[in-house]
Amino acid sequence: MSWSRDPIFCEANGWEKNRDPEELKQWWSYCVDMDKPSFIRLGIEYEGTLVGYADLAEIHDNQAELGIAIGERKVWGRGIGRQAALAIMEYGKTTLGIKSFAAETHESNTRCQSMLEKVGFEEIGRAGHEWYCGQHDRLIQYLRT
């Protein structure tokens, strides 16, 4: 609930602000309990508290898309996203046989760009635009093999 009440987090992640608690609970139950082989969402814990989530999506042909979100702003900048990215990619490699990972972020999201580069992603293109934090922002695509 606290993440859905944080306007900066919501805007950065494309979330609707101040969602109804019951609707939010149903959404999270769906994300955690769904049986979809092409999508995995795992929680990120820091000092015993759930602070975010890591996704592997569009899992096909030994490839997957990586997604990381840290919902607790008070722990931003501590390397938690980097550690979570490395952990879920290791899980994807060893458990699912994934050999290459794709990721995408916004041109103005320099924190995410830095994190992706620190874990071995290389920029492969800049295609498309999307609204991000109140502006029409270019998308940057990354790949790690």
C-alpha atoms as a PDB file:
ATOM      1  CA  MET A   1       0.000   0.000   0.000  1.00  0.00           C
ATOM      2  CA  SER A   2       2.761   2.440   0.860  1.00  0.00           C
ATOM      3  CA  TRP A   3       4.229   2.201  -2.641  1.00  0.00           C
ATOM      4  CA  SER A   4       0.856   3.069  -4.193  1.00  0.00           C
ATOM      5  CA  ARG A   5       0.731   6.160  -1.975  1.00  0.00           C
ATOM      6  CA  ASP A   6       4.177   7.387  -3.110  1.00  0.00           C
ATOM      7  CA  PRO A   7       3.574   9.705  -6.085  1.00  0.00           C
ATOM      8  CA  ILE A   8       7.195   9.596  -7.252  1.00  0.00           C
ATOM      9  CA  PHE A   9       7.314   5.799  -7.277  1.00  0.00           C
ATOM     10  CA  CYS A  10       3.904   5.603  -8.987  1.00  0.00           C
ATOM     11  CA  GLU A  11       4.882   8.075 -11.673  1.00  0.00           C
ATOM     12  CA  ALA A  12       8.226   6.353 -12.307  1.00  0.00           C
ATOM     13  CA  ASN A  13       6.574   2.926 -12.637  1.00  0.00           C
ATOM     14  CA  GLY A  14       3.378   3.897 -14.436  1.00  0.00           C
ATOM     15  CA  TRP A  15       1.198   3.009 -11.472  1.00  0.00           C
ATOM     16  CA  GLU A  16      -2.164   4.576 -10.749  1.00  0.00           C
ATOM     17  CA  LYS A  17      -1.894   6.618  -7.552  1.00  0.00           C
ATOM     18  CA  ASN A  18      -3.908   5.881  -4.394  1.00  0.00           C
ATOM     19  CA  ARG A  19      -5.432   2.633  -5.566  1.00  0.00           C
ATOM     20  CA  ASP A  20      -8.217   1.023  -3.592  1.00  0.00           C
ATOM     21  CA  PRO A  21      -6.666  -1.319  -0.980  1.00  0.00           C
ATOM     22  CA  GLU A  22      -8.842  -4.300  -1.931  1.00  0.00           C
ATOM     23  CA  GLU A  23      -8.200  -3.856  -5.644  1.00  0.00           C
ATOM     24  CA  LEU A  24      -4.453  -3.557  -4.953  1.00  0.00           C
ATOM     25  CA  LYS A  25      -4.513  -6.742  -2.863  1.00  0.00           C
ATOM     26  CA  GLN A  26      -6.249  -8.592  -5.697  1.00  0.00           C
ATOM     27  CA  TRP A  27      -3.689  -7.305  -8.206  1.00  0.00           C
ATOM     28  CA  TRP A  28      -0.734  -8.445  -6.081  1.00  0.00           C
ATOM     29  CA  SER A  29      -2.352 -11.825  -5.423  1.00  0.00           C
ATOM     30  CA  TYR A  30      -2.736 -12.254  -9.174  1.00  0.00           C
ATOM     31  CA  CYS A  31       0.922 -11.298  -9.830  1.00  0.00           C
ATOM     32  CA  VAL A  32       2.264 -13.628  -7.167  1.00  0.00           C
ATOM     33  CA  ASP A  33      -0.058 -16.598  -7.691  1.00  0.00           C
ATOM     34  CA  MET A  34      -0.494 -16.658 -11.476  1.00  0.00           C
ATOM     35  CA  ASP A  35       0.667 -19.795 -13.212  1.00  0.00           C
ATOM     36  CA  LYS A  36       2.168 -18.322 -16.364  1.00  0.00           C
ATOM     37  CA  PRO A  37       5.422 -19.955 -17.501  1.00  0.00           C
ATOM     38  CA  SER A  38       6.494 -16.829 -19.393  1.00  0.00           C
ATOM     39  CA  PHE A  39       6.388 -14.540 -16.310  1.00  0.00           C
ATOM     40  CA  ILE A  40       7.957 -14.709 -12.852  1.00  0.00           C
ATOM     41  CA  ARG A  41       7.741 -12.024 -10.164  1.00  0.00           C
ATOM     42  CA  LEU A  42       9.788 -12.368  -6.985  1.00  0.00           C
ATOM     43  CA  GLY A  43       9.864 -10.060  -3.986  1.00  0.00           C
ATOM     44  CA  ILE A  44      12.975  -8.157  -2.977  1.00  0.00           C
ATOM     45  CA  GLU A  45      13.674  -8.059   0.737  1.00  0.00           C
ATOM     46  CA  TYR A  46      16.098  -5.771   2.521  1.00  0.00           C
ATOM     47  CA  GLU A  47      16.721  -6.116   6.251  1.00  0.00           C
ATOM     48  CA  GLY A  48      13.633  -8.303   6.594  1.00  0.00           C
ATOM     49  CA  THR A  49      11.282  -5.907   4.781  1.00  0.00           C
ATOM     50  CA  LEU A  50       9.728  -6.278   1.328  1.00  0.00           C
ATOM     51  CA  VAL A  51      11.117  -3.281  -0.591  1.00  0.00           C
ATOM     52  CA  GLY A  52      10.477  -4.147  -4.233  1.00  0.00           C
ATOM     53  CA  TYR A  53      10.141  -6.818  -6.855  1.00  0.00           C
ATOM     54  CA  ALA A  54      12.098  -8.400  -9.684  1.00  0.00           C
ATOM     55  CA  ASP A  55      10.522  -9.784 -12.839  1.00  0.00           C
ATOM     56  CA  LEU A  56      11.482 -12.103 -15.626  1.00  0.00           C
ATOM     57  CA  ALA A  57       8.928 -11.631 -18.396  1.00  0.00           C
ATOM     58  CA  GLU A  58       8.412 -12.855 -21.945  1.00  0.00           C
ATOM     59  CA  ILE A  59      10.420 -15.977 -21.117  1.00  0.00           C
ATOM     60  CA  HIS A  60      10.853 -17.823 -24.429  1.00  0.00           C
ATOM     61  CA  ASP A  61      13.650 -19.556 -26.338  1.00  0.00           C
ATOM     62  CA  ASN A  62      16.262 -19.136 -23.575  1.00  0.00           C
ATOM     63  CA  GLN A  63      15.583 -15.373 -23.383  1.00  0.00           C
ATOM     64  CA  ALA A  64      13.776 -13.153 -20.886  1.00  0.00           C
ATOM     65  CA  GLU A  65      13.084  -9.506 -20.142  1.00  0.00           C
ATOM     66  CA  LEU A  66      14.351  -8.203 -16.810  1.00  0.00           C
ATOM     67  CA  GLY A  67      12.375  -5.779 -14.674  1.00  0.00           C
ATOM     68  CA  ILE A  68      13.294  -4.345 -11.273  1.00  0.00           C
ATOM     69  CA  ALA A  69      11.305  -1.953  -9.075  1.00  0.00           C
ATOM     70  CA  ILE A  70      12.292  -0.730  -5.630  1.00  0.00           C
ATOM     71  CA  GLY A  71       9.150   0.592  -3.965  1.00  0.00           C
ATOM     72  CA  GLU A  72      10.703   1.917  -0.767  1.00  0.00           C
ATOM     73  CA  ARG A  73      12.385   5.181  -1.754  1.00  0.00           C
ATOM     74  CA  LYS A  74      14.254   5.363   1.541  1.00  0.00           C
ATOM     75  CA  VAL A  75      16.469   2.502   0.333  1.00  0.00           C
ATOM     76  CA  TRP A  76      17.114   3.829  -3.182  1.00  0.00           C
ATOM     77  CA  GLY A  77      20.779   4.204  -4.040  1.00  0.00           C
ATOM     78  CA  ARG A  78      21.991   1.306  -1.863  1.00  0.00           C
ATOM     79  CA  GLY A  79      22.636  -1.192  -4.661  1.00  0.00           C
ATOM     80  CA  ILE A  80      19.566  -3.278  -3.855  1.00  0.00           C
ATOM     81  CA  GLY A  81      18.312  -3.192  -7.461  1.00  0.00           C
ATOM     82  CA  ARG A  82      21.729  -4.286  -8.721  1.00  0.00           C
ATOM     83  CA  GLN A  83      21.845  -7.195  -6.245  1.00  0.00           C
ATOM     84  CA  ALA A  84      18.289  -8.212  -7.132  1.00  0.00           C
ATOM     85  CA  ALA A  85      19.044  -8.080 -10.864  1.00  0.00           C
ATOM     86  CA  LEU A  86      22.080 -10.315 -10.428  1.00  0.00           C
ATOM     87  CA  ALA A  87      20.125 -12.747  -8.239  1.00  0.00           C
ATOM     88  CA  ILE A  88      17.123 -13.119 -10.539  1.00  0.00           C
ATOM     89  CA  MET A  89      19.355 -13.468 -13.601  1.00  0.00           C
ATOM     90  CA  GLU A  90      21.316 -16.218 -11.833  1.00  0.00           C
ATOM     91  CA  TYR A  91      18.000 -17.898 -11.004  1.00  0.00           C
ATOM     92  CA  GLY A  92      16.933 -17.563 -14.637  1.00  0.00           C
ATOM     93  CA  LYS A  93      20.187 -19.088 -15.886  1.00  0.00           C
ATOM     94  CA  THR A  94      20.393 -21.999 -13.472  1.00  0.00           C
ATOM     95  CA  THR A  95      16.704 -22.862 -13.138  1.00  0.00           C
ATOM     96  CA  LEU A  96      15.254 -21.889 -16.522  1.00  0.00           C
ATOM     97  CA  GLY A  97      18.255 -22.098 -18.849  1.00  0.00           C
ATOM     98  CA  ILE A  98      18.015 -18.454 -19.864  1.00  0.00           C
ATOM     99  CA  LYS A  99      21.038 -17.327 -21.857  1.00  0.00           C
ATOM    100  CA  SER A 100      20.206 -13.738 -22.737  1.00  0.00           C
ATOM    101  CA  PHE A 101      18.368 -10.992 -20.930  1.00  0.00           C
ATOM    102  CA  ALA A 102      16.769  -7.883 -22.397  1.00  0.00           C
ATOM    103  CA  ALA A 103      15.859  -4.719 -20.528  1.00  0.00           C
ATOM    104  CA  GLU A 104      14.422  -1.325 -21.378  1.00  0.00           C
ATOM    105  CA  THR A 105      14.397   1.979 -19.575  1.00  0.00           C
ATOM    106  CA  HIS A 106      13.722   5.634 -20.194  1.00  0.00           C
ATOM    107  CA  GLU A 107      16.404   8.035 -21.348  1.00  0.00           C
ATOM    108  CA  SER A 108      15.908  10.252 -18.297  1.00  0.00           C
ATOM    109  CA  ASN A 109      16.101   7.288 -15.866  1.00  0.00           C
ATOM    110  CA  THR A 110      19.859   7.492 -15.391  1.00  0.00           C
ATOM    111  CA  ARG A 111      19.746   5.431 -12.176  1.00  0.00           C
ATOM    112  CA  CYS A 112      18.320   2.459 -14.025  1.00  0.00           C
ATOM    113  CA  GLN A 113      20.780   2.903 -16.896  1.00  0.00           C
ATOM    114  CA  SER A 114      23.665   2.865 -14.431  1.00  0.00           C
ATOM    115  CA  MET A 115      22.336  -0.241 -12.677  1.00  0.00           C
ATOM    116  CA  LEU A 116      21.905  -2.118 -15.964  1.00  0.00           C
ATOM    117  CA  GLU A 117      25.416  -1.239 -17.080  1.00  0.00           C
ATOM    118  CA  LYS A 118      26.872  -2.294 -13.705  1.00  0.00           C
ATOM    119  CA  VAL A 119      25.364  -5.774 -14.087  1.00  0.00           C
ATOM    120  CA  GLY A 120      26.711  -6.236 -17.602  1.00  0.00           C
ATOM    121  CA  PHE A 121      24.000  -4.980 -19.942  1.00  0.00           C
ATOM    122  CA  GLU A 122      24.994  -3.182 -23.127  1.00  0.00           C
ATOM    123  CA  GLU A 123      22.878  -0.592 -24.865  1.00  0.00           C
ATOM    124  CA  ILE A 124      21.656  -1.940 -28.198  1.00  0.00           C
ATOM    125  CA  GLY A 125      19.286   0.782 -29.345  1.00  0.00           C
ATOM    126  CA  ARG A 126      17.105   3.764 -28.714  1.00  0.00           C
ATOM    127  CA  ALA A 127      13.707   3.197 -30.223  1.00  0.00           C
ATOM    128  CA  GLY A 128      10.291   4.362 -29.184  1.00  0.00           C
ATOM    129  CA  HIS A 129       8.941   6.939 -26.779  1.00  0.00           C
ATOM    130  CA  GLU A 130       6.702   6.717 -23.741  1.00  0.00           C
ATOM    131  CA  TRP A 131       5.392   9.021 -21.027  1.00  0.00           C
ATOM    132  CA  TYR A 132       7.682   8.884 -18.019  1.00  0.00           C
ATOM    133  CA  CYS A 133       7.581  11.200 -15.007  1.00  0.00           C
ATOM    134  CA  GLY A 134       5.497  13.774 -16.832  1.00  0.00           C
ATOM    135  CA  GLN A 135       7.468  13.924 -20.062  1.00  0.00           C
ATOM    136  CA  HIS A 136       7.549  12.160 -23.397  1.00  0.00           C
ATOM    137  CA  ASP A 137      10.779  10.201 -23.021  1.00  0.00           C
ATOM    138  CA  ARG A 138      12.845   8.074 -25.401  1.00  0.00           C
ATOM    139  CA  LEU A 139      13.230   4.364 -24.588  1.00  0.00           C
ATOM    140  CA  ILE A 140      16.648   2.713 -24.422  1.00  0.00           C
ATOM    141  CA  GLN A 141      17.000  -1.012 -25.083  1.00  0.00           C
ATOM    142  CA  TYR A 142      19.676  -3.185 -23.445  1.00  0.00           C
ATOM    143  CA  LEU A 143      20.917  -6.748 -23.795  1.00  0.00           C
ATOM    144  CA  ARG A 144      23.065  -9.043 -21.674  1.00  0.00           C
ATOM    145  CA  THR A 145      24.230 -12.387 -23.006  1.00  0.00           C
END
